[in-house]
Each structure stands twice: as structure tokens, then as C-alpha cells.
PDB file of N, CA and C in Angstrom:
ATOM      1  N   MET A   1     -12.568 -15.421  52.738  1.00  0.00           N
ATOM      2  CA  MET A   1     -12.335 -14.743  51.362  1.00  0.00           C
ATOM      3  C   MET A   1     -11.298 -13.718  51.610  1.00  0.00           C
ATOM      4  N   SER A   2     -10.850 -12.714  50.884  1.00  0.00           N
ATOM      5  CA  SER A   2      -9.790 -11.963  51.018  1.00  0.00           C
ATOM      6  C   SER A   2      -9.992 -10.676  50.183  1.00  0.00           C
ATOM      7  N   GLU A   3     -10.216  -9.257  51.379  1.00  0.00           N
ATOM      8  CA  GLU A   3     -10.298  -8.226  50.125  1.00  0.00           C
ATOM      9  C   GLU A   3      -9.476  -7.245  49.362  1.00  0.00           C
ATOM     10  N   ASP A   4      -9.245  -6.867  48.555  1.00  0.00           N
ATOM     11  CA  ASP A   4      -8.454  -5.902  47.622  1.00  0.00           C
ATOM     12  C   ASP A   4      -8.530  -4.905  47.773  1.00  0.00           C
ATOM     13  N   ASN A   5      -7.669  -4.695  49.556  1.00  0.00           N
ATOM     14  CA  ASN A   5      -8.282  -2.592  49.506  1.00  0.00           C
ATOM     15  C   ASN A   5      -7.085  -2.067  48.605  1.00  0.00           C
ATOM     16  N   THR A   6      -6.600  -2.189  48.004  1.00  0.00           N
ATOM     17  CA  THR A   6      -5.883  -0.895  47.117  1.00  0.00           C
ATOM     18  C   THR A   6      -6.123  -0.145  46.497  1.00  0.00           C
ATOM     19  N   ILE A   7      -5.963   0.832  46.361  1.00  0.00           N
ATOM     20  CA  ILE A   7      -7.181   2.075  45.437  1.00  0.00           C
ATOM     21  C   ILE A   7      -6.251   1.868  44.351  1.00  0.00           C
ATOM     22  N   PRO A   8      -6.730   2.209  43.313  1.00  0.00           N
ATOM     23  CA  PRO A   8      -5.518   2.454  41.700  1.00  0.00           C
ATOM     24  C   PRO A   8      -5.584   3.839  42.217  1.00  0.00           C
ATOM     25  N   PRO A   9      -4.521   4.275  41.386  1.00  0.00           N
ATOM     26  CA  PRO A   9      -4.431   5.951  41.289  1.00  0.00           C
ATOM     27  C   PRO A   9      -5.553   6.614  40.697  1.00  0.00           C
ATOM     28  N   GLU A  10      -5.901   7.959  40.957  1.00  0.00           N
ATOM     29  CA  GLU A  10      -6.855   8.575  40.278  1.00  0.00           C
ATOM     30  C   GLU A  10      -6.135   9.318  38.661  1.00  0.00           C
ATOM     31  N   ASP A  11      -6.812   9.181  37.590  1.00  0.00           N
ATOM     32  CA  ASP A  11      -6.524  10.148  36.883  1.00  0.00           C
ATOM     33  C   ASP A  11      -7.520  10.920  37.030  1.00  0.00           C
ATOM     34  N   ASP A  12      -6.113  11.925  36.859  1.00  0.00           N
ATOM     35  CA  ASP A  12      -6.671  13.733  37.085  1.00  0.00           C
ATOM     36  C   ASP A  12      -6.735  13.410  35.553  1.00  0.00           C
ATOM     37  N   GLY A  13      -6.423  12.937  34.668  1.00  0.00           N
ATOM     38  CA  GLY A  13      -6.749  13.937  33.106  1.00  0.00           C
ATOM     39  C   GLY A  13      -4.892  14.404  32.555  1.00  0.00           C
ATOM     40  N   VAL A  14      -4.113  14.620  33.018  1.00  0.00           N
ATOM     41  CA  VAL A  14      -2.926  15.302  32.637  1.00  0.00           C
ATOM     42  C   VAL A  14      -1.985  14.090  32.000  1.00  0.00           C
ATOM     43  N   LEU A  15      -1.515  14.459  30.718  1.00  0.00           N
ATOM     44  CA  LEU A  15      -0.367  13.235  30.443  1.00  0.00           C
ATOM     45  C   LEU A  15       0.882  13.451  31.534  1.00  0.00           C
ATOM     46  N   ASP A  16       1.742  12.385  31.069  1.00  0.00           N
ATOM     47  CA  ASP A  16       2.928  12.259  30.931  1.00  0.00           C
ATOM     48  C   ASP A  16       3.860  12.808  30.207  1.00  0.00           C
ATOM     49  N   ALA A  17       5.256  13.647  30.384  1.00  0.00           N
ATOM     50  CA  ALA A  17       5.761  14.326  30.102  1.00  0.00           C
ATOM     51  C   ALA A  17       5.897  13.281  28.762  1.00  0.00           C
ATOM     52  N   GLN A  18       6.478  12.109  29.235  1.00  0.00           N
ATOM     53  CA  GLN A  18       6.599  10.921  28.135  1.00  0.00           C
ATOM     54  C   GLN A  18       5.112  11.124  26.739  1.00  0.00           C
ATOM     55  N   ASP A  19       4.026  11.042  27.408  1.00  0.00           N
ATOM     56  CA  ASP A  19       2.996  11.345  25.994  1.00  0.00           C
ATOM     57  C   ASP A  19       2.635  12.478  25.401  1.00  0.00           C
ATOM     58  N   THR A  20       3.446  13.207  25.838  1.00  0.00           N
ATOM     59  CA  THR A  20       2.278  14.174  25.500  1.00  0.00           C
ATOM     60  C   THR A  20       3.016  14.543  23.613  1.00  0.00           C
ATOM     61  N   LEU A  21       2.584  15.691  22.939  1.00  0.00           N
ATOM     62  CA  LEU A  21       2.946  15.884  21.595  1.00  0.00           C
ATOM     63  C   LEU A  21       4.124  16.947  21.578  1.00  0.00           C
ATOM     64  N   GLU A  22       4.535  18.084  22.913  1.00  0.00           N
ATOM     65  CA  GLU A  22       5.635  18.628  23.227  1.00  0.00           C
ATOM     66  C   GLU A  22       6.560  17.855  23.259  1.00  0.00           C
ATOM     67  N   SER A  23       8.090  18.380  22.735  1.00  0.00           N
ATOM     68  CA  SER A  23       9.370  17.647  22.544  1.00  0.00           C
ATOM     69  C   SER A  23      10.204  18.996  22.473  1.00  0.00           C
ATOM     70  N   ASP A  24      11.191  19.011  22.911  1.00  0.00           N
ATOM     71  CA  ASP A  24      13.078  19.515  22.500  1.00  0.00           C
ATOM     72  C   ASP A  24      13.059  19.101  21.059  1.00  0.00           C
ATOM     73  N   ASP A  25      13.289  17.501  20.957  1.00  0.00           N
ATOM     74  CA  ASP A  25      14.322  17.324  19.805  1.00  0.00           C
ATOM     75  C   ASP A  25      13.143  17.510  18.611  1.00  0.00           C
ATOM     76  N   LEU A  26      12.040  18.205  18.686  1.00  0.00           N
ATOM     77  CA  LEU A  26      11.079  18.342  17.122  1.00  0.00           C
ATOM     78  C   LEU A  26      11.431  19.675  16.830  1.00  0.00           C
ATOM     79  N   GLU A  27      12.022  19.473  15.424  1.00  0.00           N
ATOM     80  CA  GLU A  27      11.867  20.502  14.900  1.00  0.00           C
ATOM     81  C   GLU A  27      10.368  21.503  14.161  1.00  0.00           C
ATOM     82  N   TYR A  28       9.547  20.348  14.597  1.00  0.00           N
ATOM     83  CA  TYR A  28       8.349  21.318  13.823  1.00  0.00           C
ATOM     84  C   TYR A  28       7.214  20.301  14.707  1.00  0.00           C
ATOM     85  N   ASP A  29       6.334  21.371  14.691  1.00  0.00           N
ATOM     86  CA  ASP A  29       4.884  20.644  15.784  1.00  0.00           C
ATOM     87  C   ASP A  29       4.167  19.598  14.496  1.00  0.00           C
ATOM     88  N   PRO A  30       3.648  18.645  15.150  1.00  0.00           N
ATOM     89  CA  PRO A  30       3.450  17.498  13.955  1.00  0.00           C
ATOM     90  C   PRO A  30       1.874  17.749  13.702  1.00  0.00           C
ATOM     91  N   LEU A  31       1.203  18.892  14.637  1.00  0.00           N
ATOM     92  CA  LEU A  31       0.056  18.855  14.401  1.00  0.00           C
ATOM     93  C   LEU A  31      -0.185  20.342  13.069  1.00  0.00           C
ATOM     94  N   ASP A  32       0.880  20.784  12.813  1.00  0.00           N
ATOM     95  CA  ASP A  32       0.972  22.363  11.892  1.00  0.00           C
ATOM     96  C   ASP A  32       1.206  21.278  10.191  1.00  0.00           C
ATOM     97  N   ALA A  33       2.066  20.359  10.655  1.00  0.00           N
ATOM     98  CA  ALA A  33       2.343  19.522   9.330  1.00  0.00           C
ATOM     99  C   ALA A  33       0.861  19.102   8.259  1.00  0.00           C
ATOM    100  N   GLY A  34      -0.051  18.888   8.982  1.00  0.00           N
ATOM    101  CA  GLY A  34      -1.853  18.434   8.534  1.00  0.00           C
ATOM    102  C   GLY A  34      -1.616  17.007   7.786  1.00  0.00           C
ATOM    103  N   ILE A  35      -2.083  16.617   7.630  1.00  0.00           N
ATOM    104  CA  ILE A  35      -2.637  15.521   6.947  1.00  0.00           C
ATOM    105  C   ILE A  35      -2.096  15.182   5.399  1.00  0.00           C
ATOM    106  N   ALA A  36      -1.706  14.591   5.103  1.00  0.00           N
ATOM    107  CA  ALA A  36      -1.223  14.532   3.168  1.00  0.00           C
ATOM    108  C   ALA A  36      -2.236  13.552   2.653  1.00  0.00           C
ATOM    109  N   PRO A  37      -3.917  13.690   1.683  1.00  0.00           N
ATOM    110  CA  PRO A  37      -4.894  13.075   1.684  1.00  0.00           C
ATOM    111  C   PRO A  37      -3.624  11.572   0.407  1.00  0.00           C
ATOM    112  N   PRO A  38      -4.116  10.404   0.702  1.00  0.00           N
ATOM    113  CA  PRO A  38      -3.470   9.111  -0.002  1.00  0.00           C
ATOM    114  C   PRO A  38      -3.676   9.883  -1.785  1.00  0.00           C
ATOM    115  N   GLU A  39      -2.655   9.467  -2.753  1.00  0.00           N
ATOM    116  CA  GLU A  39      -3.351   9.676  -4.127  1.00  0.00           C
ATOM    117  C   GLU A  39      -3.384   8.674  -5.201  1.00  0.00           C
ATOM    118  N   HIS A  40      -4.521   7.999  -4.755  1.00  0.00           N
ATOM    119  CA  HIS A  40      -5.425   6.837  -5.066  1.00  0.00           C
ATOM    120  C   HIS A  40      -6.657   6.784  -5.524  1.00  0.00           C
ATOM    121  N   TRP A  41      -7.129   6.366  -6.531  1.00  0.00           N
ATOM    122  CA  TRP A  41      -8.980   6.448  -6.611  1.00  0.00           C
ATOM    123  C   TRP A  41      -9.948   6.137  -5.400  1.00  0.00           C
ATOM    124  N   SER A  42     -10.265   6.866  -5.502  1.00  0.00           N
ATOM    125  CA  SER A  42     -11.516   6.927  -4.472  1.00  0.00           C
ATOM    126  C   SER A  42     -13.088   6.853  -4.950  1.00  0.00           C
ATOM    127  N   PRO A  43     -13.935   5.655  -3.770  1.00  0.00           N
ATOM    128  CA  PRO A  43     -15.103   5.572  -4.394  1.00  0.00           C
ATOM    129  C   PRO A  43     -15.411   6.954  -5.281  1.00  0.00           C
ATOM    130  N   ALA A  44     -15.424   7.254  -4.869  1.00  0.00           N
ATOM    131  CA  ALA A  44     -16.372   8.714  -5.023  1.00  0.00           C
ATOM    132  C   ALA A  44     -16.424   9.128  -6.046  1.00  0.00           C
ATOM    133  N   GLU A  45     -15.304   9.253  -6.918  1.00  0.00           N
ATOM    134  CA  GLU A  45     -14.816   9.439  -8.324  1.00  0.00           C
ATOM    135  C   GLU A  45     -14.942   7.979  -8.928  1.00  0.00           C
ATOM    136  N   SER A  46     -16.685   7.685  -8.668  1.00  0.00           N
ATOM    137  CA  SER A  46     -16.493   6.585  -9.732  1.00  0.00           C
ATOM    138  C   SER A  46     -17.857   6.656 -10.475  1.00  0.00           C
ATOM    139  N   PHE A  47     -18.630   5.980 -11.016  1.00  0.00           N
ATOM    140  CA  PHE A  47     -19.908   6.389 -11.934  1.00  0.00           C
ATOM    141  C   PHE A  47     -21.471   5.657 -11.153  1.00  0.00           C
ATOM    142  N   GLY A  48     -21.829   7.079 -10.956  1.00  0.00           N
ATOM    143  CA  GLY A  48     -23.234   6.026 -10.050  1.00  0.00           C
ATOM    144  C   GLY A  48     -23.538   6.931  -8.482  1.00  0.00           C
ATOM    145  N   ASN A  49     -22.932   8.235  -8.745  1.00  0.00           N
ATOM    146  CA  ASN A  49     -22.903   8.560  -7.591  1.00  0.00           C
ATOM    147  C   ASN A  49     -24.179  10.310  -6.971  1.00  0.00           C
ATOM    148  N   THR A  50     -24.468  10.104  -8.630  1.00  0.00           N
ATOM    149  CA  THR A  50     -25.852  11.319  -8.437  1.00  0.00           C
ATOM    150  C   THR A  50     -26.489  10.173  -9.177  1.00  0.00           C
ATOM    151  N   ALA A  51     -28.021  10.610  -8.343  1.00  0.00           N
ATOM    152  CA  ALA A  51     -29.368  10.188  -8.911  1.00  0.00           C
ATOM    153  C   ALA A  51     -29.243   9.748 -10.448  1.00  0.00           C
ATOM    154  N   GLU A  52     -28.929  11.117 -10.881  1.00  0.00           N
ATOM    155  CA  GLU A  52     -29.170  10.522 -12.679  1.00  0.00           C
ATOM    156  C   GLU A  52     -28.879   9.639 -12.755  1.00  0.00           C
ATOM    157  N   GLU A  53     -27.429   9.299 -12.178  1.00  0.00           N
ATOM    158  CA  GLU A  53     -25.939   8.793 -12.918  1.00  0.00           C
ATOM    159  C   GLU A  53     -26.640   6.990 -12.371  1.00  0.00           C
ATOM    160  N   ALA A  54     -27.481   6.993 -11.165  1.00  0.00           N
ATOM    161  CA  ALA A  54     -27.962   5.532 -10.767  1.00  0.00           C
ATOM    162  C   ALA A  54     -28.852   4.915 -11.795  1.00  0.00           C
ATOM    163  N   HIS A  55     -30.191   6.396 -11.481  1.00  0.00           N
ATOM    164  CA  HIS A  55     -30.922   5.586 -12.565  1.00  0.00           C
ATOM    165  C   HIS A  55     -31.186   5.669 -13.895  1.00  0.00           C
ATOM    166  N   ARG A  56     -29.914   6.713 -14.889  1.00  0.00           N
ATOM    167  CA  ARG A  56     -29.750   5.902 -15.840  1.00  0.00           C
ATOM    168  C   ARG A  56     -28.887   4.713 -16.173  1.00  0.00           C
ATOM    169  N   GLY A  57     -28.040   4.390 -15.152  1.00  0.00           N
ATOM    170  CA  GLY A  57     -26.612   3.540 -15.642  1.00  0.00           C
ATOM    171  C   GLY A  57     -25.721   3.308 -15.969  1.00  0.00           C
ATOM    172  N   GLU A  58     -24.280   2.706 -15.919  1.00  0.00           N
ATOM    173  CA  GLU A  58     -23.415   2.487 -16.699  1.00  0.00           C
ATOM    174  C   GLU A  58     -23.905   1.786 -17.852  1.00  0.00           C
ATOM    175  N   SER A  59     -23.164   2.266 -19.138  1.00  0.00           N
ATOM    176  CA  SER A  59     -23.199   1.790 -20.671  1.00  0.00           C
ATOM    177  C   SER A  59     -22.485   0.258 -20.533  1.00  0.00           C
ATOM    178  N   LEU A  60     -22.679  -0.245 -21.417  1.00  0.00           N
ATOM    179  CA  LEU A  60     -21.851  -1.274 -22.092  1.00  0.00           C
ATOM    180  C   LEU A  60     -20.157  -1.194 -21.878  1.00  0.00           C
ATOM    181  N   ASP A  61     -20.070   0.288 -22.535  1.00  0.00           N
ATOM    182  CA  ASP A  61     -18.989   0.337 -23.189  1.00  0.00           C
ATOM    183  C   ASP A  61     -17.542   0.836 -21.358  1.00  0.00           C
ATOM    184  N   GLN A  62     -18.769   1.262 -20.695  1.00  0.00           N
ATOM    185  CA  GLN A  62     -18.319   1.887 -19.610  1.00  0.00           C
ATOM    186  C   GLN A  62     -17.934   0.620 -18.817  1.00  0.00           C
ATOM    187  N   LEU A  63     -18.845  -0.152 -18.647  1.00  0.00           N
ATOM    188  CA  LEU A  63     -18.418  -1.585 -18.060  1.00  0.00           C
ATOM    189  C   LEU A  63     -17.841  -2.537 -18.387  1.00  0.00           C
ATOM    190  N   LEU A  64     -17.642  -2.093 -19.683  1.00  0.00           N
ATOM    191  CA  LEU A  64     -16.307  -3.317 -20.414  1.00  0.00           C
ATOM    192  C   LEU A  64     -14.682  -2.277 -20.225  1.00  0.00           C
ATOM    193  N   SER A  65     -15.177  -1.480 -19.787  1.00  0.00           N
ATOM    194  CA  SER A  65     -13.337  -0.628 -19.562  1.00  0.00           C
ATOM    195  C   SER A  65     -12.907  -0.976 -18.015  1.00  0.00           C
ATOM    196  N   GLU A  66     -14.248  -1.216 -17.474  1.00  0.00           N
ATOM    197  CA  GLU A  66     -13.684  -1.117 -15.954  1.00  0.00           C
ATOM    198  C   GLU A  66     -13.278  -2.742 -15.523  1.00  0.00           C
ATOM    199  N   GLU A  67     -13.787  -3.829 -16.582  1.00  0.00           N
ATOM    200  CA  GLU A  67     -13.203  -5.428 -16.882  1.00  0.00           C
ATOM    201  C   GLU A  67     -11.495  -4.909 -16.550  1.00  0.00           C
ATOM    202  N   GLU A  68     -10.838  -6.734 -15.814  1.00  0.00           N
ATOM    203  CA  GLU A  68      -9.423  -6.387 -16.087  1.00  0.00           C
ATOM    204  C   GLU A  68      -9.313  -8.120 -16.323  1.00  0.00           C
ATOM    205  N   PRO A  69      -9.066  -8.460 -17.460  1.00  0.00           N
ATOM    206  CA  PRO A  69      -8.478 -10.360 -17.447  1.00  0.00           C
ATOM    207  C   PRO A  69      -8.119 -10.682 -16.227  1.00  0.00           C
ATOM    208  N   ASP A  70      -8.752 -11.977 -16.482  1.00  0.00           N
ATOM    209  CA  ASP A  70      -8.307 -12.930 -15.656  1.00  0.00           C
ATOM    210  C   ASP A  70      -6.505 -13.281 -15.762  1.00  0.00           C
ATOM    211  N   ILE A  71      -5.781 -13.209 -14.241  1.00  0.00           N
ATOM    212  CA  ILE A  71      -4.428 -13.834 -14.570  1.00  0.00           C
ATOM    213  C   ILE A  71      -4.545 -15.537 -14.421  1.00  0.00           C
ATOM    214  N   ASP A  72      -3.603 -16.253 -15.692  1.00  0.00           N
ATOM    215  CA  ASP A  72      -3.732 -17.032 -15.502  1.00  0.00           C
ATOM    216  C   ASP A  72      -1.880 -17.312 -14.590  1.00  0.00           C
ATOM    217  N   PRO A  73      -1.916 -18.511 -13.797  1.00  0.00           N
ATOM    218  CA  PRO A  73      -0.902 -18.587 -12.849  1.00  0.00           C
ATOM    219  C   PRO A  73       0.528 -19.331 -13.818  1.00  0.00           C
ATOM    220  N   ASP A  74      -0.087 -20.138 -13.888  1.00  0.00           N
ATOM    221  CA  ASP A  74       0.409 -20.981 -15.514  1.00  0.00           C
ATOM    222  C   ASP A  74       1.959 -19.891 -16.549  1.00  0.00           C
ATOM    223  N   ALA A  75       0.989 -19.036 -17.172  1.00  0.00           N
ATOM    224  CA  ALA A  75       1.576 -18.424 -17.745  1.00  0.00           C
ATOM    225  C   ALA A  75       2.232 -17.417 -16.496  1.00  0.00           C
ATOM    226  N   LEU A  76       2.412 -16.798 -15.780  1.00  0.00           N
ATOM    227  CA  LEU A  76       3.252 -16.234 -15.014  1.00  0.00           C
ATOM    228  C   LEU A  76       4.284 -17.255 -14.958  1.00  0.00           C
ATOM    229  N   ASP A  77       4.043 -18.398 -14.241  1.00  0.00           N
ATOM    230  CA  ASP A  77       4.547 -19.258 -13.873  1.00  0.00           C
ATOM    231  C   ASP A  77       6.337 -19.760 -15.339  1.00  0.00           C
ATOM    232  N   GLN A  78       5.309 -19.625 -16.189  1.00  0.00           N
ATOM    233  CA  GLN A  78       6.170 -19.597 -17.652  1.00  0.00           C
ATOM    234  C   GLN A  78       7.273 -18.494 -18.341  1.00  0.00           C
ATOM    235  N   GLU A  79       6.431 -17.329 -17.842  1.00  0.00           N
ATOM    236  CA  GLU A  79       7.175 -16.233 -17.853  1.00  0.00           C
ATOM    237  C   GLU A  79       8.680 -15.802 -16.960  1.00  0.00           C
ATOM    238  N   GLU A  80       8.872 -16.160 -15.642  1.00  0.00           N
ATOM    239  CA  GLU A  80       9.070 -16.510 -14.659  1.00  0.00           C
ATOM    240  C   GLU A  80      10.602 -17.124 -14.998  1.00  0.00           C
ATOM    241  N   GLU A  81       9.885 -18.393 -15.937  1.00  0.00           N
ATOM    242  CA  GLU A  81      11.141 -19.265 -15.797  1.00  0.00           C
ATOM    243  C   GLU A  81      11.857 -18.967 -17.583  1.00  0.00           C
ATOM    244  N   ASP A  82      11.645 -17.583 -18.195  1.00  0.00           N
ATOM    245  CA  ASP A  82      11.876 -18.017 -18.890  1.00  0.00           C
ATOM    246  C   ASP A  82      12.938 -16.437 -19.407  1.00  0.00           C
ATOM    247  N   ASP A  83      12.296 -15.762 -18.462  1.00  0.00           N
ATOM    248  CA  ASP A  83      13.488 -14.383 -17.835  1.00  0.00           C
ATOM    249  C   ASP A  83      14.456 -15.763 -16.686  1.00  0.00           C
ATOM    250  N   GLU A  84      14.669 -16.353 -15.954  1.00  0.00           N
ATOM    251  CA  GLU A  84      15.722 -17.438 -15.594  1.00  0.00           C
ATOM    252  C   GLU A  84      16.702 -17.606 -16.708  1.00  0.00           C
ATOM    253  N   LEU A  85      15.549 -18.003 -17.510  1.00  0.00           N
ATOM    254  CA  LEU A  85      16.801 -18.425 -18.563  1.00  0.00           C
ATOM    255  C   LEU A  85      17.543 -18.011 -19.010  1.00  0.00           C
ATOM    256  N   ARG A  86      16.708 -16.648 -19.931  1.00  0.00           N
ATOM    257  CA  ARG A  86      17.954 -15.819 -20.260  1.00  0.00           C
ATOM    258  C   ARG A  86      18.635 -15.406 -18.881  1.00  0.00           C
ATOM    259  N   GLY A  87      18.306 -15.042 -18.034  1.00  0.00           N
ATOM    260  CA  GLY A  87      19.483 -14.276 -17.723  1.00  0.00           C
ATOM    261  C   GLY A  87      20.754 -15.416 -16.833  1.00  0.00           C
ATOM    262  N   LEU A  88      20.280 -17.151 -17.428  1.00  0.00           N
ATOM    263  CA  LEU A  88      21.241 -17.857 -17.269  1.00  0.00           C
ATOM    264  C   LEU A  88      21.822 -17.643 -18.712  1.00  0.00           C
ATOM    265  N   ASP A  89      21.618 -17.517 -19.687  1.00  0.00           N
ATOM    266  CA  ASP A  89      22.064 -17.266 -21.519  1.00  0.00           C
ATOM    267  C   ASP A  89      22.862 -16.425 -21.259  1.00  0.00           C
ATOM    268  N   ASN A  90      22.618 -15.382 -20.280  1.00  0.00           N
ATOM    269  CA  ASN A  90      23.310 -13.975 -20.552  1.00  0.00           C
ATOM    270  C   ASN A  90      24.485 -14.275 -19.514  1.00  0.00           C
ATOM    271  N   GLU A  91      24.466 -14.948 -18.665  1.00  0.00           N
ATOM    272  CA  GLU A  91      25.670 -15.233 -17.615  1.00  0.00           C
ATOM    273  C   GLU A  91      26.890 -15.851 -18.926  1.00  0.00           C
ATOM    274  N   LEU A  92      26.252 -17.174 -19.498  1.00  0.00           N
ATOM    275  CA  LEU A  92      26.844 -18.091 -19.850  1.00  0.00           C
ATOM    276  C   LEU A  92      27.352 -17.326 -20.366  1.00  0.00           C
ATOM    277  N   GLU A  93      27.059 -16.505 -21.754  1.00  0.00           N
ATOM    278  CA  GLU A  93      27.644 -15.791 -22.656  1.00  0.00           C
ATOM    279  C   GLU A  93      28.828 -14.708 -22.472  1.00  0.00           C
ATOM    280  N   ASP A  94      28.832 -14.139 -21.282  1.00  0.00           N
ATOM    281  CA  ASP A  94      29.658 -13.181 -20.689  1.00  0.00           C
ATOM    282  C   ASP A  94      30.952 -14.118 -20.445  1.00  0.00           C
ATOM    283  N   LEU A  95      30.721 -15.337 -19.970  1.00  0.00           N
ATOM    284  CA  LEU A  95      31.861 -16.616 -19.539  1.00  0.00           C
ATOM    285  C   LEU A  95      32.909 -16.431 -20.098  1.00  0.00           C
ATOM    286  N   ASP A  96      31.965 -16.990 -21.539  1.00  0.00           N
ATOM    287  CA  ASP A  96      32.238 -17.333 -23.102  1.00  0.00           C
ATOM    288  C   ASP A  96      33.591 -16.123 -23.448  1.00  0.00           C
ATOM    289  N   GLU A  97      32.517 -15.024 -23.323  1.00  0.00           N
ATOM    290  CA  GLU A  97      33.675 -13.732 -23.881  1.00  0.00           C
ATOM    291  C   GLU A  97      34.578 -13.476 -23.049  1.00  0.00           C
ATOM    292  N   LYS A  98      34.865 -14.100 -21.901  1.00  0.00           N
ATOM    293  CA  LYS A  98      36.046 -13.867 -20.588  1.00  0.00           C
ATOM    294  C   LYS A  98      36.676 -15.053 -21.172  1.00  0.00           C
ATOM    295  N   LEU A  99      36.741 -16.244 -21.319  1.00  0.00           N
ATOM    296  CA  LEU A  99      37.354 -16.992 -21.535  1.00  0.00           C
ATOM    297  C   LEU A  99      38.124 -17.017 -23.127  1.00  0.00           C
ATOM    298  N   GLU A 100      37.145 -16.483 -24.102  1.00  0.00           N
ATOM    299  CA  GLU A 100      38.240 -15.995 -25.117  1.00  0.00           C
ATOM    300  C   GLU A 100      39.275 -15.413 -25.114  1.00  0.00           C
ATOM    301  N   GLY A 101      38.713 -14.235 -24.262  1.00  0.00           N
ATOM    302  CA  GLY A 101      39.799 -13.331 -24.501  1.00  0.00           C
ATOM    303  C   GLY A 101      41.338 -12.916 -23.601  1.00  0.00           C
ATOM    304  N   MET A 102      41.005 -14.811 -22.643  1.00  0.00           N
ATOM    305  CA  MET A 102      42.786 -15.286 -21.769  1.00  0.00           C
ATOM    306  C   MET A 102      43.421 -15.326 -22.812  1.00  0.00           C
TER     307      MET A 102
END
């Protein structure tokens, strides 16, 4: 059996220069900039976060207002085809106008 007698380098806890946040090419300290919270809906804004709301429950109107209709993939395909055909019609009309102007 061969033993590996190599000793790994000690970790003294000091970062290498390339791993630090201090840099001469930064115009500001990234830690001073802070964090901008996301601008989207949070679950904390929903109904039922208090004991009273949880006990009372959501009304039918509230539940219905949160519903989203199902998306029909066939309808989407048809809309895309219609848009493409409208675009082709516009191109043909433009070409007709150019030919008439000659």
C-alpha cells in the first residue's frame, strides 16, 4: 500500500485578493447598495393570514375572482395562424401598391 504523505495547505481564513469585495475598479461598495425587493405578489398579501380570516374562510366571490380561465392550445394556434395571414396580406398589399406605382 502506498500512503499519500502530502499535507494539504492550511486554511488560515484569509481570502485571496481575487475573492474579496474590495476592488479599485468599483465605483461604490456593493454592500452599501442594499437589496431591492422583487415587485411581484407575495403570499403574505393573500387572504387567510390572520386567525379570523382562516376561521371565516373565503367567500365565493373571492374564490371566483382568483380563478383563471383554461387556455385552449388549439385557439392559440389559430390566433397565431391568423396573425401570420394578416401579416402576409399586408405584405401583398404593399407589393401591389409598389407595382401600381411603377
